[in-house]
């Protein structure tokens, strides 16, 4: 349980750290802005890339640790969250190889003009669109996994019930919001609201799992 709490907090830290180094989690489609930034500071891009990749592997580790901690209460719910949260992590890891291509495109960008420059911008925008859509799909898987262990928390009382209810509300709003983004990319309010609720849920739940056994 303590390790699960630590992994929740580590996940949050890695997301914020990667954004500090230029990785933008939510929709980012302005490749004509992104490419010069990568060219000017490729080291920053690489560090942000490594940090977010670590976050994706941390997701998989967290799903497994939660299964070890709580899976004995409900094998079915345990299988659901392990399957969907590992799927979430693997999808994001898989598409990162495409995101890495931005580094090579950025190296070519300053020395081009006209049609060649526009072609690089279009290539970069295509990569960012793929990143955005794959992220939204992965977050739907995340929401299903989070919903599963939130239901377990309420059903079996392994954590305070308010955590479980909050997790259910947050995961439904977040999953619904990301589903909307896949259909209407410019309508992001539900996903952003759900993302804020998910952040609060994971921060508080992670703290409770981390410190409650020590008190």
N, C-alpha and C. Protein backbone atom coordinates (compact mmCIF):
# COMPACT_ATOMS: atom_id res chain seq x y z
N UNK A 1 0.82 -1.20 0.00
CA UNK A 1 0.00 0.00 0.00
C UNK A 1 0.86 1.26 0.00
N UNK A 2 1.90 1.26 0.81
CA UNK A 2 2.80 2.42 0.89
C UNK A 2 3.46 2.66 -0.47
N UNK A 3 3.91 1.58 -1.11
CA UNK A 3 4.56 1.72 -2.41
C UNK A 3 3.58 2.24 -3.46
N UNK A 4 2.33 1.82 -3.39
CA UNK A 4 1.32 2.33 -4.32
C UNK A 4 1.16 3.83 -4.15
N UNK A 5 1.11 4.29 -2.90
CA UNK A 5 1.00 5.72 -2.65
C UNK A 5 2.19 6.49 -3.19
N UNK A 6 3.38 5.92 -3.01
CA UNK A 6 4.60 6.55 -3.54
C UNK A 6 4.54 6.66 -5.05
N UNK A 7 4.05 5.61 -5.73
CA UNK A 7 3.99 5.62 -7.19
C UNK A 7 2.96 6.62 -7.69
N UNK A 8 1.86 6.81 -6.95
CA UNK A 8 0.90 7.86 -7.32
C UNK A 8 1.58 9.22 -7.31
N UNK A 9 2.30 9.50 -6.24
CA UNK A 9 2.98 10.80 -6.14
C UNK A 9 4.11 10.93 -7.16
N UNK A 10 4.82 9.84 -7.39
CA UNK A 10 5.90 9.87 -8.39
C UNK A 10 5.33 10.18 -9.77
N UNK A 11 4.17 9.64 -10.07
CA UNK A 11 3.53 9.90 -11.37
C UNK A 11 3.26 11.38 -11.54
N UNK A 12 2.71 12.00 -10.50
CA UNK A 12 2.40 13.44 -10.55
C UNK A 12 3.69 14.25 -10.71
N UNK A 13 4.71 13.89 -9.96
CA UNK A 13 5.99 14.60 -10.03
C UNK A 13 6.59 14.51 -11.43
N UNK A 14 6.55 13.32 -12.04
CA UNK A 14 7.12 13.13 -13.37
C UNK A 14 6.37 13.93 -14.43
N UNK A 15 5.04 14.01 -14.31
CA UNK A 15 4.26 14.80 -15.26
C UNK A 15 4.65 16.27 -15.18
N UNK A 16 4.70 16.81 -13.96
CA UNK A 16 5.06 18.23 -13.79
C UNK A 16 6.51 18.48 -14.21
N UNK A 17 7.40 17.54 -13.90
CA UNK A 17 8.80 17.71 -14.27
C UNK A 17 8.98 17.70 -15.79
N UNK A 18 8.26 16.81 -16.47
CA UNK A 18 8.38 16.75 -17.94
C UNK A 18 7.87 18.04 -18.57
N UNK A 19 6.81 18.61 -18.01
CA UNK A 19 6.29 19.88 -18.53
C UNK A 19 7.28 21.03 -18.27
N UNK A 20 8.00 20.92 -17.16
CA UNK A 20 9.04 21.92 -16.88
C UNK A 20 10.11 21.90 -17.96
N UNK A 21 10.30 20.75 -18.59
CA UNK A 21 11.30 20.61 -19.65
C UNK A 21 10.67 20.59 -21.04
N UNK A 22 9.49 21.20 -21.16
CA UNK A 22 8.94 21.47 -22.48
C UNK A 22 7.93 20.48 -23.02
N UNK A 23 7.69 19.37 -22.30
CA UNK A 23 6.71 18.42 -22.79
C UNK A 23 5.32 18.91 -22.37
N UNK A 24 4.42 19.06 -23.33
CA UNK A 24 3.07 19.53 -23.04
C UNK A 24 2.12 18.35 -23.11
N UNK A 25 1.46 18.06 -22.00
CA UNK A 25 0.63 16.87 -21.91
C UNK A 25 -0.61 16.99 -22.77
N UNK A 26 -1.33 18.10 -22.67
CA UNK A 26 -2.57 18.26 -23.41
C UNK A 26 -2.30 18.86 -24.79
N UNK A 27 -3.37 19.03 -25.55
CA UNK A 27 -3.28 19.40 -26.97
C UNK A 27 -2.20 20.42 -27.28
N UNK A 28 -1.35 20.06 -28.23
CA UNK A 28 -0.24 20.92 -28.66
C UNK A 28 -0.08 20.68 -30.15
N UNK A 29 -0.58 21.60 -30.97
CA UNK A 29 -0.59 21.38 -32.41
C UNK A 29 0.21 22.41 -33.20
N UNK A 30 0.78 23.40 -32.52
CA UNK A 30 1.51 24.47 -33.22
C UNK A 30 2.95 24.04 -33.48
N UNK A 31 3.15 23.25 -34.52
CA UNK A 31 4.49 22.74 -34.81
C UNK A 31 5.44 23.84 -35.23
N UNK A 32 4.91 24.93 -35.82
CA UNK A 32 5.78 26.03 -36.22
C UNK A 32 6.34 26.76 -35.01
N UNK A 33 5.70 26.61 -33.85
CA UNK A 33 6.22 27.16 -32.59
C UNK A 33 7.10 26.12 -31.89
N UNK A 34 6.69 24.88 -31.95
CA UNK A 34 7.39 23.81 -31.23
C UNK A 34 8.77 23.51 -31.84
N UNK A 35 8.86 23.45 -33.15
CA UNK A 35 10.11 23.04 -33.80
C UNK A 35 11.28 23.98 -33.50
N UNK A 36 11.11 25.30 -33.59
CA UNK A 36 12.24 26.18 -33.23
C UNK A 36 12.70 26.01 -31.79
N UNK A 37 11.74 25.78 -30.88
CA UNK A 37 12.10 25.58 -29.48
C UNK A 37 12.96 24.32 -29.30
N UNK A 38 12.59 23.26 -30.00
CA UNK A 38 13.36 22.01 -29.92
C UNK A 38 14.75 22.23 -30.52
N UNK A 39 14.82 22.94 -31.63
CA UNK A 39 16.11 23.20 -32.27
C UNK A 39 17.03 24.01 -31.36
N UNK A 40 16.45 25.01 -30.69
CA UNK A 40 17.27 25.89 -29.84
C UNK A 40 17.76 25.19 -28.58
N UNK A 41 17.00 24.21 -28.10
CA UNK A 41 17.40 23.52 -26.86
C UNK A 41 17.05 22.03 -26.94
N UNK A 42 17.77 21.29 -27.76
CA UNK A 42 17.48 19.86 -27.93
C UNK A 42 17.66 19.06 -26.63
N UNK A 43 18.59 19.50 -25.79
CA UNK A 43 18.81 18.80 -24.52
C UNK A 43 17.56 18.86 -23.65
N UNK A 44 16.90 20.01 -23.63
CA UNK A 44 15.67 20.16 -22.85
C UNK A 44 14.59 19.22 -23.38
N UNK A 45 14.49 19.12 -24.70
CA UNK A 45 13.52 18.20 -25.31
C UNK A 45 13.80 16.76 -24.90
N UNK A 46 15.08 16.37 -24.92
CA UNK A 46 15.45 15.00 -24.58
C UNK A 46 15.14 14.68 -23.11
N UNK A 47 15.42 15.63 -22.22
CA UNK A 47 15.14 15.41 -20.80
C UNK A 47 13.63 15.27 -20.57
N UNK A 48 12.85 16.16 -21.20
CA UNK A 48 11.40 16.08 -21.08
C UNK A 48 10.88 14.76 -21.62
N UNK A 49 11.46 14.30 -22.71
CA UNK A 49 11.06 13.03 -23.32
C UNK A 49 11.33 11.87 -22.36
N UNK A 50 12.52 11.84 -21.77
CA UNK A 50 12.88 10.76 -20.84
C UNK A 50 11.97 10.77 -19.62
N UNK A 51 11.67 11.96 -19.10
CA UNK A 51 10.82 12.07 -17.92
C UNK A 51 9.41 11.55 -18.19
N UNK A 52 8.83 11.92 -19.34
CA UNK A 52 7.47 11.47 -19.63
C UNK A 52 7.46 9.98 -19.95
N UNK A 53 8.56 9.47 -20.52
CA UNK A 53 8.65 8.03 -20.76
C UNK A 53 8.71 7.27 -19.43
N UNK A 54 9.44 7.83 -18.48
CA UNK A 54 9.48 7.24 -17.14
C UNK A 54 8.08 7.23 -16.51
N UNK A 55 7.32 8.30 -16.75
CA UNK A 55 5.96 8.37 -16.22
C UNK A 55 5.09 7.26 -16.79
N UNK A 56 5.26 6.96 -18.08
CA UNK A 56 4.46 5.89 -18.70
C UNK A 56 4.80 4.53 -18.09
N UNK A 57 6.08 4.28 -17.85
CA UNK A 57 6.46 3.01 -17.21
C UNK A 57 5.97 2.98 -15.76
N UNK A 58 5.95 4.14 -15.13
CA UNK A 58 5.45 4.22 -13.75
C UNK A 58 3.97 3.86 -13.69
N UNK A 59 3.21 4.23 -14.71
CA UNK A 59 1.79 3.87 -14.78
C UNK A 59 1.63 2.35 -14.71
N UNK A 60 2.46 1.64 -15.48
CA UNK A 60 2.38 0.18 -15.50
C UNK A 60 2.74 -0.39 -14.13
N UNK A 61 3.80 0.14 -13.53
CA UNK A 61 4.22 -0.32 -12.20
C UNK A 61 3.12 -0.06 -11.17
N UNK A 62 2.47 1.10 -11.26
CA UNK A 62 1.40 1.45 -10.32
C UNK A 62 0.22 0.49 -10.45
N UNK A 63 -0.16 0.18 -11.69
CA UNK A 63 -1.29 -0.74 -11.90
C UNK A 63 -1.00 -2.10 -11.27
N UNK A 64 0.24 -2.56 -11.42
CA UNK A 64 0.62 -3.87 -10.87
C UNK A 64 0.65 -3.82 -9.34
N UNK A 65 1.20 -2.74 -8.78
CA UNK A 65 1.26 -2.63 -7.32
C UNK A 65 -0.13 -2.52 -6.70
N UNK A 66 -1.04 -1.80 -7.36
CA UNK A 66 -2.41 -1.73 -6.86
C UNK A 66 -3.08 -3.10 -6.89
N UNK A 67 -2.74 -3.88 -7.90
CA UNK A 67 -3.30 -5.24 -7.98
C UNK A 67 -2.79 -6.09 -6.82
N UNK A 68 -1.50 -6.00 -6.53
CA UNK A 68 -0.95 -6.75 -5.40
C UNK A 68 -1.55 -6.29 -4.08
N UNK A 69 -1.82 -4.98 -3.97
CA UNK A 69 -2.34 -4.44 -2.71
C UNK A 69 -3.82 -4.73 -2.51
N UNK A 70 -4.61 -4.68 -3.60
CA UNK A 70 -6.07 -4.74 -3.44
C UNK A 70 -6.77 -5.79 -4.31
N UNK A 71 -6.03 -6.45 -5.18
CA UNK A 71 -6.66 -7.38 -6.11
C UNK A 71 -7.35 -8.56 -5.43
N UNK A 72 -6.91 -8.90 -4.23
CA UNK A 72 -7.51 -10.04 -3.53
C UNK A 72 -8.96 -9.76 -3.13
N UNK A 73 -9.35 -8.49 -3.05
CA UNK A 73 -10.73 -8.15 -2.69
C UNK A 73 -11.69 -8.44 -3.84
N UNK A 74 -11.26 -8.23 -5.06
CA UNK A 74 -12.09 -8.51 -6.24
C UNK A 74 -11.18 -8.77 -7.43
N UNK A 75 -11.08 -10.04 -7.80
CA UNK A 75 -10.20 -10.41 -8.91
C UNK A 75 -10.67 -9.78 -10.22
N UNK A 76 -11.99 -9.72 -10.41
CA UNK A 76 -12.52 -9.17 -11.67
C UNK A 76 -12.16 -7.69 -11.81
N UNK A 77 -12.43 -6.91 -10.76
CA UNK A 77 -12.09 -5.48 -10.82
C UNK A 77 -10.58 -5.29 -10.94
N UNK A 78 -9.82 -6.15 -10.26
CA UNK A 78 -8.37 -6.08 -10.35
C UNK A 78 -7.87 -6.31 -11.77
N UNK A 79 -8.45 -7.30 -12.44
CA UNK A 79 -8.06 -7.58 -13.83
C UNK A 79 -8.43 -6.41 -14.73
N UNK A 80 -9.60 -5.81 -14.46
CA UNK A 80 -10.03 -4.66 -15.28
C UNK A 80 -9.03 -3.51 -15.17
N UNK A 81 -8.67 -3.12 -13.92
CA UNK A 81 -7.78 -1.96 -13.84
C UNK A 81 -6.37 -2.29 -14.31
N UNK A 82 -5.89 -3.50 -14.08
CA UNK A 82 -4.56 -3.86 -14.58
C UNK A 82 -4.54 -3.83 -16.10
N UNK A 83 -5.56 -4.41 -16.72
CA UNK A 83 -5.61 -4.47 -18.18
C UNK A 83 -5.67 -3.08 -18.80
N UNK A 84 -6.58 -2.25 -18.29
CA UNK A 84 -6.77 -0.95 -18.92
C UNK A 84 -5.66 0.04 -18.59
N UNK A 85 -5.12 -0.02 -17.38
CA UNK A 85 -4.06 0.92 -17.05
C UNK A 85 -2.72 0.52 -17.67
N UNK A 86 -2.47 -0.78 -17.78
CA UNK A 86 -1.27 -1.20 -18.51
C UNK A 86 -1.44 -0.86 -19.99
N UNK A 87 -2.65 -1.06 -20.51
CA UNK A 87 -2.91 -0.66 -21.90
C UNK A 87 -2.66 0.82 -22.12
N UNK A 88 -3.09 1.63 -21.17
CA UNK A 88 -2.85 3.07 -21.23
C UNK A 88 -1.36 3.37 -21.34
N UNK A 89 -0.57 2.75 -20.46
CA UNK A 89 0.87 2.98 -20.46
C UNK A 89 1.54 2.52 -21.75
N UNK A 90 1.16 1.34 -22.22
CA UNK A 90 1.78 0.78 -23.43
C UNK A 90 1.47 1.60 -24.67
N UNK A 91 0.24 2.09 -24.77
CA UNK A 91 -0.12 2.92 -25.92
C UNK A 91 0.74 4.17 -25.97
N UNK A 92 0.91 4.81 -24.82
CA UNK A 92 1.69 6.04 -24.80
C UNK A 92 3.18 5.77 -25.05
N UNK A 93 3.69 4.65 -24.55
CA UNK A 93 5.08 4.29 -24.82
C UNK A 93 5.28 4.04 -26.32
N UNK A 94 4.34 3.32 -26.92
CA UNK A 94 4.44 2.98 -28.35
C UNK A 94 4.51 4.23 -29.22
N UNK A 95 3.66 5.21 -28.95
CA UNK A 95 3.60 6.39 -29.80
C UNK A 95 4.71 7.40 -29.50
N UNK A 96 5.47 7.17 -28.46
CA UNK A 96 6.58 8.09 -28.19
C UNK A 96 7.69 7.97 -29.22
N UNK A 97 7.79 6.82 -29.88
CA UNK A 97 8.82 6.69 -30.93
C UNK A 97 8.51 7.66 -32.08
N UNK A 98 7.23 7.91 -32.31
CA UNK A 98 6.82 8.87 -33.32
C UNK A 98 7.12 10.31 -32.86
N UNK A 99 6.86 10.58 -31.59
CA UNK A 99 7.11 11.91 -31.04
C UNK A 99 8.61 12.26 -31.09
N UNK A 100 9.46 11.27 -30.91
CA UNK A 100 10.91 11.48 -30.95
C UNK A 100 11.37 12.03 -32.29
N UNK A 101 10.61 11.75 -33.36
CA UNK A 101 10.96 12.23 -34.71
C UNK A 101 10.98 13.74 -34.79
N UNK A 102 10.30 14.40 -33.85
CA UNK A 102 10.31 15.87 -33.86
C UNK A 102 11.73 16.43 -33.74
N UNK A 103 12.59 15.69 -33.05
CA UNK A 103 13.97 16.14 -32.87
C UNK A 103 14.69 16.22 -34.21
N UNK A 104 14.52 15.22 -35.05
CA UNK A 104 15.17 15.22 -36.37
C UNK A 104 14.56 16.29 -37.29
N UNK A 105 13.25 16.47 -37.20
CA UNK A 105 12.60 17.50 -38.01
C UNK A 105 13.08 18.89 -37.57
N UNK A 106 13.21 19.09 -36.27
CA UNK A 106 13.64 20.39 -35.75
C UNK A 106 15.06 20.73 -36.19
N UNK A 107 15.90 19.73 -36.35
CA UNK A 107 17.28 19.98 -36.79
C UNK A 107 17.32 20.52 -38.21
N UNK A 108 16.36 20.13 -39.04
CA UNK A 108 16.32 20.57 -40.43
C UNK A 108 15.60 21.91 -40.59
N UNK A 109 14.80 22.28 -39.61
CA UNK A 109 13.85 23.39 -39.75
C UNK A 109 14.49 24.74 -40.06
N UNK A 110 15.56 25.17 -39.34
CA UNK A 110 16.08 26.54 -39.55
C UNK A 110 16.64 26.77 -40.95
N UNK A 111 17.14 25.73 -41.59
CA UNK A 111 17.79 25.92 -42.89
C UNK A 111 16.85 25.79 -44.07
N UNK A 112 15.56 25.81 -43.82
CA UNK A 112 14.60 25.63 -44.91
C UNK A 112 13.73 26.86 -45.08
N UNK A 113 13.04 26.91 -46.22
CA UNK A 113 12.11 28.01 -46.49
C UNK A 113 11.08 27.53 -47.51
N UNK A 114 10.04 28.30 -47.69
CA UNK A 114 9.05 28.00 -48.70
C UNK A 114 8.36 26.66 -48.51
N UNK A 115 8.23 25.93 -49.61
CA UNK A 115 7.50 24.66 -49.60
C UNK A 115 8.17 23.62 -48.70
N UNK A 116 9.50 23.64 -48.67
CA UNK A 116 10.22 22.67 -47.82
C UNK A 116 9.95 22.93 -46.35
N UNK A 117 9.93 24.18 -45.96
CA UNK A 117 9.64 24.54 -44.57
C UNK A 117 8.20 24.17 -44.20
N UNK A 118 7.27 24.43 -45.12
CA UNK A 118 5.88 24.09 -44.87
C UNK A 118 5.69 22.58 -44.73
N UNK A 119 6.48 21.82 -45.50
CA UNK A 119 6.40 20.37 -45.42
C UNK A 119 6.85 19.88 -44.04
N UNK A 120 7.90 20.50 -43.49
CA UNK A 120 8.37 20.14 -42.15
C UNK A 120 7.34 20.53 -41.09
N UNK A 121 6.72 21.70 -41.26
CA UNK A 121 5.67 22.12 -40.33
C UNK A 121 4.51 21.13 -40.35
N UNK A 122 4.12 20.72 -41.55
CA UNK A 122 3.02 19.76 -41.69
C UNK A 122 3.38 18.41 -41.06
N UNK A 123 4.64 17.99 -41.25
CA UNK A 123 5.08 16.72 -40.67
C UNK A 123 5.06 16.81 -39.14
N UNK A 124 5.53 17.94 -38.61
CA UNK A 124 5.50 18.13 -37.17
C UNK A 124 4.08 18.17 -36.62
N UNK A 125 3.20 18.86 -37.35
CA UNK A 125 1.80 18.95 -36.91
C UNK A 125 1.14 17.57 -36.92
N UNK A 126 1.46 16.76 -37.90
CA UNK A 126 0.91 15.41 -37.97
C UNK A 126 1.34 14.58 -36.76
N UNK A 127 2.60 14.71 -36.37
CA UNK A 127 3.10 14.00 -35.20
C UNK A 127 2.38 14.46 -33.94
N UNK A 128 2.18 15.77 -33.81
CA UNK A 128 1.51 16.32 -32.63
C UNK A 128 0.03 15.93 -32.59
N UNK A 129 -0.60 15.84 -33.75
CA UNK A 129 -1.99 15.39 -33.79
C UNK A 129 -2.10 13.94 -33.35
N UNK A 130 -1.16 13.11 -33.82
CA UNK A 130 -1.15 11.71 -33.41
C UNK A 130 -0.92 11.58 -31.92
N UNK A 131 -0.01 12.40 -31.39
CA UNK A 131 0.25 12.43 -29.95
C UNK A 131 -1.02 12.78 -29.19
N UNK A 132 -1.74 13.79 -29.67
CA UNK A 132 -2.95 14.25 -28.99
C UNK A 132 -4.04 13.19 -29.01
N UNK A 133 -4.28 12.58 -30.16
CA UNK A 133 -5.35 11.59 -30.27
C UNK A 133 -5.02 10.32 -29.50
N UNK A 134 -3.76 9.89 -29.56
CA UNK A 134 -3.37 8.68 -28.81
C UNK A 134 -3.44 8.93 -27.31
N UNK A 135 -3.11 10.15 -26.89
CA UNK A 135 -3.20 10.50 -25.47
C UNK A 135 -4.66 10.45 -25.01
N UNK A 136 -5.56 11.05 -25.81
CA UNK A 136 -6.98 11.05 -25.42
C UNK A 136 -7.53 9.64 -25.32
N UNK A 137 -7.16 8.78 -26.28
CA UNK A 137 -7.62 7.39 -26.22
C UNK A 137 -7.05 6.68 -25.00
N UNK A 138 -5.77 6.92 -24.72
CA UNK A 138 -5.14 6.30 -23.55
C UNK A 138 -5.81 6.76 -22.26
N UNK A 139 -6.27 8.02 -22.24
CA UNK A 139 -6.91 8.53 -21.03
C UNK A 139 -8.31 7.94 -20.82
N UNK A 140 -8.94 7.49 -21.89
CA UNK A 140 -10.20 6.76 -21.74
C UNK A 140 -9.92 5.42 -21.05
N UNK A 141 -8.84 4.76 -21.44
CA UNK A 141 -8.44 3.52 -20.76
C UNK A 141 -8.10 3.80 -19.30
N UNK A 142 -7.38 4.90 -19.08
CA UNK A 142 -7.06 5.32 -17.72
C UNK A 142 -8.33 5.47 -16.88
N UNK A 143 -9.34 6.11 -17.45
CA UNK A 143 -10.58 6.38 -16.73
C UNK A 143 -11.30 5.09 -16.36
N UNK A 144 -11.29 4.12 -17.27
CA UNK A 144 -11.92 2.83 -16.98
C UNK A 144 -11.19 2.12 -15.85
N UNK A 145 -9.85 2.13 -15.91
CA UNK A 145 -9.06 1.52 -14.85
C UNK A 145 -9.28 2.20 -13.51
N UNK A 146 -9.30 3.54 -13.52
CA UNK A 146 -9.52 4.29 -12.28
C UNK A 146 -10.92 4.04 -11.73
N UNK A 147 -11.89 3.95 -12.61
CA UNK A 147 -13.27 3.65 -12.19
C UNK A 147 -13.33 2.29 -11.50
N UNK A 148 -12.59 1.31 -12.02
CA UNK A 148 -12.62 -0.04 -11.46
C UNK A 148 -12.11 -0.06 -10.02
N UNK A 149 -10.95 0.57 -9.76
CA UNK A 149 -10.47 0.50 -8.37
C UNK A 149 -11.20 1.47 -7.45
N UNK A 150 -11.84 2.49 -8.01
CA UNK A 150 -12.68 3.36 -7.19
C UNK A 150 -13.92 2.60 -6.71
N UNK A 151 -14.50 1.79 -7.59
CA UNK A 151 -15.64 0.95 -7.20
C UNK A 151 -15.23 -0.03 -6.12
N UNK A 152 -14.03 -0.61 -6.26
CA UNK A 152 -13.54 -1.54 -5.25
C UNK A 152 -13.38 -0.83 -3.90
N UNK A 153 -12.87 0.39 -3.91
CA UNK A 153 -12.68 1.13 -2.66
C UNK A 153 -14.00 1.31 -1.92
N UNK A 154 -15.07 1.62 -2.67
CA UNK A 154 -16.38 1.80 -2.05
C UNK A 154 -16.96 0.47 -1.58
N UNK A 155 -16.85 -0.54 -2.43
CA UNK A 155 -17.49 -1.83 -2.15
C UNK A 155 -16.88 -2.52 -0.94
N UNK A 156 -15.57 -2.45 -0.81
CA UNK A 156 -14.89 -3.23 0.23
C UNK A 156 -14.32 -2.37 1.36
N UNK A 157 -14.45 -1.06 1.27
CA UNK A 157 -14.05 -0.20 2.37
C UNK A 157 -12.58 -0.24 2.71
N UNK A 158 -11.73 -0.48 1.72
CA UNK A 158 -10.29 -0.59 1.99
C UNK A 158 -9.63 0.78 2.17
N UNK A 159 -10.31 1.82 1.67
CA UNK A 159 -9.89 3.20 1.93
C UNK A 159 -11.16 3.97 2.28
N UNK A 160 -11.06 5.18 2.82
CA UNK A 160 -12.28 5.95 3.11
C UNK A 160 -13.18 6.05 1.89
N UNK A 161 -14.48 5.85 2.08
CA UNK A 161 -15.43 5.78 0.97
C UNK A 161 -15.43 7.05 0.12
N UNK A 162 -15.14 8.20 0.73
CA UNK A 162 -15.16 9.45 -0.02
C UNK A 162 -14.13 9.43 -1.16
N UNK A 163 -13.01 8.73 -0.94
CA UNK A 163 -12.02 8.61 -2.01
C UNK A 163 -12.61 7.86 -3.20
N UNK A 164 -13.32 6.78 -2.90
CA UNK A 164 -13.91 5.99 -3.97
C UNK A 164 -14.95 6.77 -4.76
N UNK A 165 -15.84 7.48 -4.05
CA UNK A 165 -16.87 8.27 -4.73
C UNK A 165 -16.25 9.39 -5.56
N UNK A 166 -15.23 10.03 -5.00
CA UNK A 166 -14.55 11.11 -5.74
C UNK A 166 -13.88 10.54 -6.99
N UNK A 167 -13.27 9.36 -6.85
CA UNK A 167 -12.63 8.72 -8.00
C UNK A 167 -13.62 8.35 -9.09
N UNK A 168 -14.81 7.91 -8.71
CA UNK A 168 -15.84 7.56 -9.69
C UNK A 168 -16.26 8.80 -10.47
N UNK A 169 -16.56 9.88 -9.76
CA UNK A 169 -16.99 11.12 -10.42
C UNK A 169 -15.88 11.64 -11.34
N UNK A 170 -14.65 11.69 -10.81
CA UNK A 170 -13.52 12.23 -11.58
C UNK A 170 -13.25 11.40 -12.83
N UNK A 171 -13.26 10.07 -12.70
CA UNK A 171 -12.94 9.21 -13.83
C UNK A 171 -14.01 9.28 -14.91
N UNK A 172 -15.28 9.38 -14.51
CA UNK A 172 -16.35 9.48 -15.50
C UNK A 172 -16.25 10.80 -16.28
N UNK A 173 -16.07 11.90 -15.55
CA UNK A 173 -15.95 13.20 -16.23
C UNK A 173 -14.73 13.23 -17.14
N UNK A 174 -13.61 12.71 -16.65
CA UNK A 174 -12.37 12.74 -17.43
C UNK A 174 -12.46 11.85 -18.66
N UNK A 175 -13.00 10.65 -18.48
CA UNK A 175 -13.15 9.74 -19.62
C UNK A 175 -14.10 10.30 -20.66
N UNK A 176 -15.23 10.85 -20.21
CA UNK A 176 -16.20 11.45 -21.10
C UNK A 176 -15.58 12.64 -21.84
N UNK A 177 -14.82 13.45 -21.12
CA UNK A 177 -14.18 14.61 -21.73
C UNK A 177 -13.19 14.24 -22.82
N UNK A 178 -12.41 13.19 -22.57
CA UNK A 178 -11.44 12.76 -23.59
C UNK A 178 -12.13 12.10 -24.78
N UNK A 179 -13.27 11.43 -24.53
CA UNK A 179 -14.05 10.91 -25.64
C UNK A 179 -14.56 12.03 -26.53
N UNK A 180 -14.99 13.14 -25.92
CA UNK A 180 -15.45 14.30 -26.69
C UNK A 180 -14.31 14.86 -27.54
N UNK A 181 -13.12 14.93 -26.96
CA UNK A 181 -11.97 15.49 -27.70
C UNK A 181 -11.68 14.69 -28.96
N UNK A 182 -11.87 13.37 -28.90
CA UNK A 182 -11.62 12.54 -30.08
C UNK A 182 -12.58 12.88 -31.21
N UNK A 183 -13.77 13.35 -30.84
CA UNK A 183 -14.78 13.70 -31.84
C UNK A 183 -14.74 15.19 -32.17
N UNK A 184 -14.63 16.01 -31.12
CA UNK A 184 -14.57 17.48 -31.29
C UNK A 184 -13.33 18.00 -30.58
N UNK A 185 -12.19 18.02 -31.26
CA UNK A 185 -10.91 18.36 -30.61
C UNK A 185 -10.87 19.71 -29.92
N UNK A 186 -11.71 20.64 -30.32
CA UNK A 186 -11.65 21.98 -29.74
C UNK A 186 -12.50 22.13 -28.48
N UNK A 187 -13.29 21.11 -28.15
CA UNK A 187 -14.14 21.18 -26.95
C UNK A 187 -13.44 20.43 -25.83
N UNK A 188 -12.69 21.17 -25.01
CA UNK A 188 -11.78 20.54 -24.05
C UNK A 188 -12.19 20.75 -22.59
N UNK A 189 -13.23 21.54 -22.36
CA UNK A 189 -13.58 21.91 -20.98
C UNK A 189 -13.84 20.69 -20.09
N UNK A 190 -14.67 19.71 -20.51
CA UNK A 190 -14.90 18.55 -19.63
C UNK A 190 -13.61 17.78 -19.32
N UNK A 191 -12.73 17.64 -20.32
CA UNK A 191 -11.47 16.91 -20.10
C UNK A 191 -10.58 17.67 -19.12
N UNK A 192 -10.52 19.00 -19.25
CA UNK A 192 -9.70 19.79 -18.34
C UNK A 192 -10.25 19.74 -16.92
N UNK A 193 -11.58 19.81 -16.79
CA UNK A 193 -12.21 19.71 -15.47
C UNK A 193 -11.94 18.33 -14.87
N UNK A 194 -12.13 17.30 -15.68
CA UNK A 194 -11.86 15.94 -15.21
C UNK A 194 -10.40 15.75 -14.85
N UNK A 195 -9.49 16.36 -15.64
CA UNK A 195 -8.07 16.26 -15.34
C UNK A 195 -7.72 16.88 -14.00
N UNK A 196 -8.35 18.02 -13.69
CA UNK A 196 -8.13 18.65 -12.39
C UNK A 196 -8.63 17.76 -11.25
N UNK A 197 -9.82 17.19 -11.43
CA UNK A 197 -10.38 16.30 -10.41
C UNK A 197 -9.51 15.04 -10.23
N UNK A 198 -9.01 14.50 -11.34
CA UNK A 198 -8.13 13.33 -11.27
C UNK A 198 -6.85 13.67 -10.52
N UNK A 199 -6.30 14.85 -10.80
CA UNK A 199 -5.09 15.27 -10.09
C UNK A 199 -5.33 15.31 -8.58
N UNK A 200 -6.44 15.91 -8.17
CA UNK A 200 -6.76 15.98 -6.74
C UNK A 200 -6.97 14.59 -6.16
N UNK A 201 -7.67 13.75 -6.90
CA UNK A 201 -7.94 12.39 -6.45
C UNK A 201 -6.64 11.62 -6.22
N UNK A 202 -5.74 11.64 -7.20
CA UNK A 202 -4.51 10.86 -7.10
C UNK A 202 -3.57 11.44 -6.05
N UNK A 203 -3.54 12.77 -5.92
CA UNK A 203 -2.67 13.39 -4.92
C UNK A 203 -3.12 13.01 -3.51
N UNK A 204 -4.43 13.10 -3.24
CA UNK A 204 -4.94 12.80 -1.90
C UNK A 204 -4.88 11.30 -1.63
N UNK A 205 -5.31 10.49 -2.59
CA UNK A 205 -5.26 9.04 -2.41
C UNK A 205 -3.83 8.56 -2.22
N UNK A 206 -2.91 9.10 -3.03
CA UNK A 206 -1.51 8.72 -2.90
C UNK A 206 -0.96 9.06 -1.53
N UNK A 207 -1.32 10.25 -1.02
CA UNK A 207 -0.88 10.63 0.32
C UNK A 207 -1.44 9.72 1.39
N UNK A 208 -2.72 9.36 1.25
CA UNK A 208 -3.34 8.47 2.24
C UNK A 208 -2.69 7.09 2.23
N UNK A 209 -2.46 6.53 1.04
CA UNK A 209 -1.83 5.22 0.93
C UNK A 209 -0.40 5.25 1.46
N UNK A 210 0.27 6.37 1.25
CA UNK A 210 1.67 6.49 1.63
C UNK A 210 1.84 6.63 3.14
N UNK A 211 0.96 7.42 3.77
CA UNK A 211 1.21 7.76 5.17
C UNK A 211 0.29 7.09 6.18
N UNK A 212 -0.91 6.65 5.76
CA UNK A 212 -1.85 6.08 6.73
C UNK A 212 -1.29 4.83 7.44
N UNK A 213 -0.53 3.95 6.76
CA UNK A 213 0.01 2.79 7.49
C UNK A 213 1.09 3.18 8.50
N UNK A 214 1.64 4.38 8.36
CA UNK A 214 2.73 4.80 9.23
C UNK A 214 2.23 5.55 10.46
N UNK A 215 0.94 5.91 10.45
CA UNK A 215 0.38 6.68 11.56
C UNK A 215 -0.14 5.76 12.64
